[in-house]
Amino acid sequence: MFGLGTPEIILIAIVILVLFGAKKIPELMQGLGKGVKEFKKATSDIEKDLSTSEDKEKKA
């Protein structure tokens, strides 16, 4: 995963914990989850629109 090993991931997690504190991390993760969900929905909507327009072109 991006050339990161276990020690690097642990170091990043520790830095995030120190910077944001334990109370703020759940809020950050919730926001990240919502962002990923919206991104997936947007990509699926775009794929749907593309396939619909392709179907219309084939019928014409």
PDB file of N, CA and C in Angstrom:
ATOM      1  N   MET A   1       0.841  -1.181   0.000  1.00  0.00           N
ATOM      2  CA  MET A   1       0.000   0.000   0.000  1.00  0.00           C
ATOM      3  C   MET A   1       0.885   1.243   0.000  1.00  0.00           C
ATOM      4  N   PHE A   2       1.113   1.840  -1.128  1.00  0.00           N
ATOM      5  CA  PHE A   2       1.904   3.055  -1.284  1.00  0.00           C
ATOM      6  C   PHE A   2       3.330   2.906  -0.747  1.00  0.00           C
ATOM      7  N   GLY A   3       3.821   1.683  -0.655  1.00  0.00           N
ATOM      8  CA  GLY A   3       5.173   1.464  -0.168  1.00  0.00           C
ATOM      9  C   GLY A   3       5.323   1.692   1.327  1.00  0.00           C
ATOM     10  N   LEU A   4       4.224   1.687   2.055  1.00  0.00           N
ATOM     11  CA  LEU A   4       4.281   1.896   3.501  1.00  0.00           C
ATOM     12  C   LEU A   4       4.286   0.548   4.213  1.00  0.00           C
ATOM     13  N   GLY A   5       5.201   0.404   5.127  1.00  0.00           N
ATOM     14  CA  GLY A   5       5.249  -0.799   5.946  1.00  0.00           C
ATOM     15  C   GLY A   5       4.560  -0.566   7.271  1.00  0.00           C
ATOM     16  N   THR A   6       4.554  -1.583   8.083  1.00  0.00           N
ATOM     17  CA  THR A   6       3.907  -1.500   9.396  1.00  0.00           C
ATOM     18  C   THR A   6       4.513  -0.406  10.275  1.00  0.00           C
ATOM     19  N   PRO A   7       5.840  -0.282  10.340  1.00  0.00           N
ATOM     20  CA  PRO A   7       6.393   0.784  11.200  1.00  0.00           C
ATOM     21  C   PRO A   7       5.963   2.187  10.768  1.00  0.00           C
ATOM     22  N   GLU A   8       5.898   2.416   9.464  1.00  0.00           N
ATOM     23  CA  GLU A   8       5.491   3.736   8.987  1.00  0.00           C
ATOM     24  C   GLU A   8       4.041   4.029   9.329  1.00  0.00           C
ATOM     25  N   ILE A   9       3.175   3.035   9.172  1.00  0.00           N
ATOM     26  CA  ILE A   9       1.754   3.207   9.486  1.00  0.00           C
ATOM     27  C   ILE A   9       1.572   3.479  10.979  1.00  0.00           C
ATOM     28  N   ILE A  10       2.303   2.766  11.815  1.00  0.00           N
ATOM     29  CA  ILE A  10       2.219   2.981  13.265  1.00  0.00           C
ATOM     30  C   ILE A  10       2.692   4.389  13.619  1.00  0.00           C
ATOM     31  N   LEU A  11       3.782   4.831  13.001  1.00  0.00           N
ATOM     32  CA  LEU A  11       4.293   6.172  13.254  1.00  0.00           C
ATOM     33  C   LEU A  11       3.276   7.235  12.844  1.00  0.00           C
ATOM     34  N   ILE A  12       2.643   7.054  11.697  1.00  0.00           N
ATOM     35  CA  ILE A  12       1.617   8.001  11.234  1.00  0.00           C
ATOM     36  C   ILE A  12       0.445   8.029  12.213  1.00  0.00           C
ATOM     37  N   ALA A  13       0.018   6.855  12.684  1.00  0.00           N
ATOM     38  CA  ALA A  13      -1.090   6.787  13.646  1.00  0.00           C
ATOM     39  C   ALA A  13      -0.735   7.526  14.943  1.00  0.00           C
ATOM     40  N   ILE A  14       0.487   7.365  15.405  1.00  0.00           N
ATOM     41  CA  ILE A  14       0.916   8.042  16.635  1.00  0.00           C
ATOM     42  C   ILE A  14       0.935   9.555  16.432  1.00  0.00           C
ATOM     43  N   VAL A  15       1.429  10.001  15.290  1.00  0.00           N
ATOM     44  CA  VAL A  15       1.469  11.442  15.011  1.00  0.00           C
ATOM     45  C   VAL A  15       0.052  12.012  14.966  1.00  0.00           C
ATOM     46  N   ILE A  16      -0.869  11.297  14.322  1.00  0.00           N
ATOM     47  CA  ILE A  16      -2.264  11.756  14.266  1.00  0.00           C
ATOM     48  C   ILE A  16      -2.861  11.819  15.662  1.00  0.00           C
ATOM     49  N   LEU A  17      -2.587  10.814  16.475  1.00  0.00           N
ATOM     50  CA  LEU A  17      -3.098  10.790  17.847  1.00  0.00           C
ATOM     51  C   LEU A  17      -2.560  11.976  18.644  1.00  0.00           C
ATOM     52  N   VAL A  18      -1.291  12.292  18.481  1.00  0.00           N
ATOM     53  CA  VAL A  18      -0.696  13.410  19.217  1.00  0.00           C
ATOM     54  C   VAL A  18      -1.260  14.743  18.721  1.00  0.00           C
ATOM     55  N   LEU A  19      -1.399  14.883  17.401  1.00  0.00           N
ATOM     56  CA  LEU A  19      -1.868  16.151  16.848  1.00  0.00           C
ATOM     57  C   LEU A  19      -3.325  16.444  17.177  1.00  0.00           C
ATOM     58  N   PHE A  20      -4.181  15.445  17.050  1.00  0.00           N
ATOM     59  CA  PHE A  20      -5.618  15.684  17.183  1.00  0.00           C
ATOM     60  C   PHE A  20      -6.193  15.257  18.528  1.00  0.00           C
ATOM     61  N   GLY A  21      -5.537  14.395  19.230  1.00  0.00           N
ATOM     62  CA  GLY A  21      -6.045  13.920  20.508  1.00  0.00           C
ATOM     63  C   GLY A  21      -7.078  12.828  20.312  1.00  0.00           C
ATOM     64  N   ALA A  22      -7.276  12.045  21.350  1.00  0.00           N
ATOM     65  CA  ALA A  22      -8.153  10.884  21.274  1.00  0.00           C
ATOM     66  C   ALA A  22      -9.622  11.272  21.099  1.00  0.00           C
ATOM     67  N   LYS A  23     -10.027  12.421  21.582  1.00  0.00           N
ATOM     68  CA  LYS A  23     -11.433  12.819  21.501  1.00  0.00           C
ATOM     69  C   LYS A  23     -11.829  13.265  20.100  1.00  0.00           C
ATOM     70  N   LYS A  24     -10.897  13.805  19.359  1.00  0.00           N
ATOM     71  CA  LYS A  24     -11.207  14.370  18.049  1.00  0.00           C
ATOM     72  C   LYS A  24     -11.155  13.310  16.937  1.00  0.00           C
ATOM     73  N   ILE A  25     -10.450  12.229  17.153  1.00  0.00           N
ATOM     74  CA  ILE A  25     -10.262  11.217  16.103  1.00  0.00           C
ATOM     75  C   ILE A  25     -11.586  10.596  15.639  1.00  0.00           C
ATOM     76  N   PRO A  26     -12.515  10.222  16.518  1.00  0.00           N
ATOM     77  CA  PRO A  26     -13.785   9.658  16.018  1.00  0.00           C
ATOM     78  C   PRO A  26     -14.542  10.615  15.097  1.00  0.00           C
ATOM     79  N   GLU A  27     -14.501  11.901  15.414  1.00  0.00           N
ATOM     80  CA  GLU A  27     -15.151  12.899  14.553  1.00  0.00           C
ATOM     81  C   GLU A  27     -14.470  12.958  13.186  1.00  0.00           C
ATOM     82  N   LEU A  28     -13.157  12.902  13.184  1.00  0.00           N
ATOM     83  CA  LEU A  28     -12.419  12.928  11.924  1.00  0.00           C
ATOM     84  C   LEU A  28     -12.730  11.694  11.078  1.00  0.00           C
ATOM     85  N   MET A  29     -12.786  10.541  11.716  1.00  0.00           N
ATOM     86  CA  MET A  29     -13.070   9.300  10.992  1.00  0.00           C
ATOM     87  C   MET A  29     -14.502   9.296  10.444  1.00  0.00           C
ATOM     88  N   GLN A  30     -15.428   9.853  11.214  1.00  0.00           N
ATOM     89  CA  GLN A  30     -16.809   9.944  10.749  1.00  0.00           C
ATOM     90  C   GLN A  30     -16.894  10.843   9.519  1.00  0.00           C
ATOM     91  N   GLY A  31     -16.205  11.960   9.555  1.00  0.00           N
ATOM     92  CA  GLY A  31     -16.169  12.858   8.402  1.00  0.00           C
ATOM     93  C   GLY A  31     -15.520  12.196   7.198  1.00  0.00           C
ATOM     94  N   LEU A  32     -14.458  11.451   7.435  1.00  0.00           N
ATOM     95  CA  LEU A  32     -13.786  10.738   6.360  1.00  0.00           C
ATOM     96  C   LEU A  32     -14.711   9.689   5.755  1.00  0.00           C
ATOM     97  N   GLY A  33     -15.427   8.975   6.603  1.00  0.00           N
ATOM     98  CA  GLY A  33     -16.372   7.969   6.117  1.00  0.00           C
ATOM     99  C   GLY A  33     -17.471   8.578   5.268  1.00  0.00           C
ATOM    100  N   LYS A  34     -17.997   9.709   5.700  1.00  0.00           N
ATOM    101  CA  LYS A  34     -19.030  10.392   4.916  1.00  0.00           C
ATOM    102  C   LYS A  34     -18.476  10.851   3.572  1.00  0.00           C
ATOM    103  N   GLY A  35     -17.255  11.334   3.580  1.00  0.00           N
ATOM    104  CA  GLY A  35     -16.632  11.777   2.337  1.00  0.00           C
ATOM    105  C   GLY A  35     -16.441  10.637   1.354  1.00  0.00           C
ATOM    106  N   VAL A  36     -15.994   9.500   1.848  1.00  0.00           N
ATOM    107  CA  VAL A  36     -15.805   8.322   0.990  1.00  0.00           C
ATOM    108  C   VAL A  36     -17.149   7.852   0.447  1.00  0.00           C
ATOM    109  N   LYS A  37     -18.165   7.868   1.294  1.00  0.00           N
ATOM    110  CA  LYS A  37     -19.502   7.447   0.859  1.00  0.00           C
ATOM    111  C   LYS A  37     -20.019   8.352  -0.252  1.00  0.00           C
ATOM    112  N   GLU A  38     -19.856   9.661  -0.096  1.00  0.00           N
ATOM    113  CA  GLU A  38     -20.299  10.606  -1.124  1.00  0.00           C
ATOM    114  C   GLU A  38     -19.508  10.432  -2.418  1.00  0.00           C
ATOM    115  N   PHE A  39     -18.212  10.159  -2.292  1.00  0.00           N
ATOM    116  CA  PHE A  39     -17.379   9.950  -3.474  1.00  0.00           C
ATOM    117  C   PHE A  39     -17.833   8.707  -4.244  1.00  0.00           C
ATOM    118  N   LYS A  40     -18.104   7.622  -3.517  1.00  0.00           N
ATOM    119  CA  LYS A  40     -18.578   6.391  -4.176  1.00  0.00           C
ATOM    120  C   LYS A  40     -19.924   6.624  -4.849  1.00  0.00           C
ATOM    121  N   LYS A  41     -20.814   7.365  -4.195  1.00  0.00           N
ATOM    122  CA  LYS A  41     -22.122   7.654  -4.787  1.00  0.00           C
ATOM    123  C   LYS A  41     -21.960   8.483  -6.055  1.00  0.00           C
ATOM    124  N   ALA A  42     -21.086   9.462  -6.017  1.00  0.00           N
ATOM    125  CA  ALA A  42     -20.864  10.310  -7.189  1.00  0.00           C
ATOM    126  C   ALA A  42     -20.292   9.500  -8.350  1.00  0.00           C
ATOM    127  N   THR A  43     -19.352   8.626  -8.069  1.00  0.00           N
ATOM    128  CA  THR A  43     -18.771   7.823  -9.145  1.00  0.00           C
ATOM    129  C   THR A  43     -19.789   6.859  -9.723  1.00  0.00           C
ATOM    130  N   SER A  44     -20.644   6.287  -8.882  1.00  0.00           N
ATOM    131  CA  SER A  44     -21.667   5.376  -9.405  1.00  0.00           C
ATOM    132  C   SER A  44     -22.701   6.143 -10.226  1.00  0.00           C
ATOM    133  N   ASP A  45     -23.022   7.371  -9.812  1.00  0.00           N
ATOM    134  CA  ASP A  45     -23.951   8.201 -10.595  1.00  0.00           C
ATOM    135  C   ASP A  45     -23.360   8.542 -11.961  1.00  0.00           C
ATOM    136  N   ILE A  46     -22.071   8.852 -11.988  1.00  0.00           N
ATOM    137  CA  ILE A  46     -21.421   9.166 -13.257  1.00  0.00           C
ATOM    138  C   ILE A  46     -21.407   7.941 -14.167  1.00  0.00           C
ATOM    139  N   GLU A  47     -21.080   6.778 -13.606  1.00  0.00           N
ATOM    140  CA  GLU A  47     -21.083   5.550 -14.404  1.00  0.00           C
ATOM    141  C   GLU A  47     -22.481   5.265 -14.952  1.00  0.00           C
ATOM    142  N   LYS A  48     -23.501   5.499 -14.126  1.00  0.00           N
ATOM    143  CA  LYS A  48     -24.882   5.285 -14.561  1.00  0.00           C
ATOM    144  C   LYS A  48     -25.239   6.226 -15.705  1.00  0.00           C
ATOM    145  N   ASP A  49     -24.862   7.499 -15.572  1.00  0.00           N
ATOM    146  CA  ASP A  49     -25.134   8.474 -16.629  1.00  0.00           C
ATOM    147  C   ASP A  49     -24.423   8.104 -17.924  1.00  0.00           C
ATOM    148  N   LEU A  50     -23.185   7.654 -17.814  1.00  0.00           N
ATOM    149  CA  LEU A  50     -22.430   7.270 -19.004  1.00  0.00           C
ATOM    150  C   LEU A  50     -23.069   6.069 -19.704  1.00  0.00           C
ATOM    151  N   SER A  51     -23.480   5.070 -18.927  1.00  0.00           N
ATOM    152  CA  SER A  51     -24.085   3.899 -19.545  1.00  0.00           C
ATOM    153  C   SER A  51     -25.445   4.246 -20.161  1.00  0.00           C
ATOM    154  N   THR A  52     -26.177   5.159 -19.539  1.00  0.00           N
ATOM    155  CA  THR A  52     -27.463   5.591 -20.087  1.00  0.00           C
ATOM    156  C   THR A  52     -27.258   6.332 -21.417  1.00  0.00           C
ATOM    157  N   SER A  53     -26.266   7.214 -21.455  1.00  0.00           N
ATOM    158  CA  SER A  53     -26.009   7.945 -22.699  1.00  0.00           C
ATOM    159  C   SER A  53     -25.499   7.026 -23.792  1.00  0.00           C
ATOM    160  N   GLU A  54     -24.732   5.996 -23.440  1.00  0.00           N
ATOM    161  CA  GLU A  54     -24.265   5.017 -24.422  1.00  0.00           C
ATOM    162  C   GLU A  54     -25.438   4.229 -24.987  1.00  0.00           C
ATOM    163  N   ASP A  55     -26.400   3.878 -24.128  1.00  0.00           N
ATOM    164  CA  ASP A  55     -27.580   3.144 -24.580  1.00  0.00           C
ATOM    165  C   ASP A  55     -28.403   3.995 -25.544  1.00  0.00           C
ATOM    166  N   LYS A  56     -28.519   5.296 -25.244  1.00  0.00           N
ATOM    167  CA  LYS A  56     -29.278   6.186 -26.117  1.00  0.00           C
ATOM    168  C   LYS A  56     -28.600   6.316 -27.473  1.00  0.00           C
ATOM    169  N   GLU A  57     -27.267   6.370 -27.499  1.00  0.00           N
ATOM    170  CA  GLU A  57     -26.544   6.478 -28.746  1.00  0.00           C
ATOM    171  C   GLU A  57     -26.689   5.207 -29.594  1.00  0.00           C
ATOM    172  N   LYS A  58     -26.715   4.059 -28.942  1.00  0.00           N
ATOM    173  CA  LYS A  58     -26.859   2.797 -29.673  1.00  0.00           C
ATOM    174  C   LYS A  58     -28.245   2.683 -30.283  1.00  0.00           C
ATOM    175  N   LYS A  59     -29.255   3.191 -29.613  1.00  0.00           N
ATOM    176  CA  LYS A  59     -30.624   3.134 -30.126  1.00  0.00           C
ATOM    177  C   LYS A  59     -30.827   4.090 -31.283  1.00  0.00           C
ATOM    178  N   ALA A  60     -30.078   5.173 -31.320  1.00  0.00           N
ATOM    179  CA  ALA A  60     -30.254   6.198 -32.363  1.00  0.00           C
ATOM    180  C   ALA A  60     -29.613   5.806 -33.675  1.00  0.00           C
TER     181      ALA A  60
END
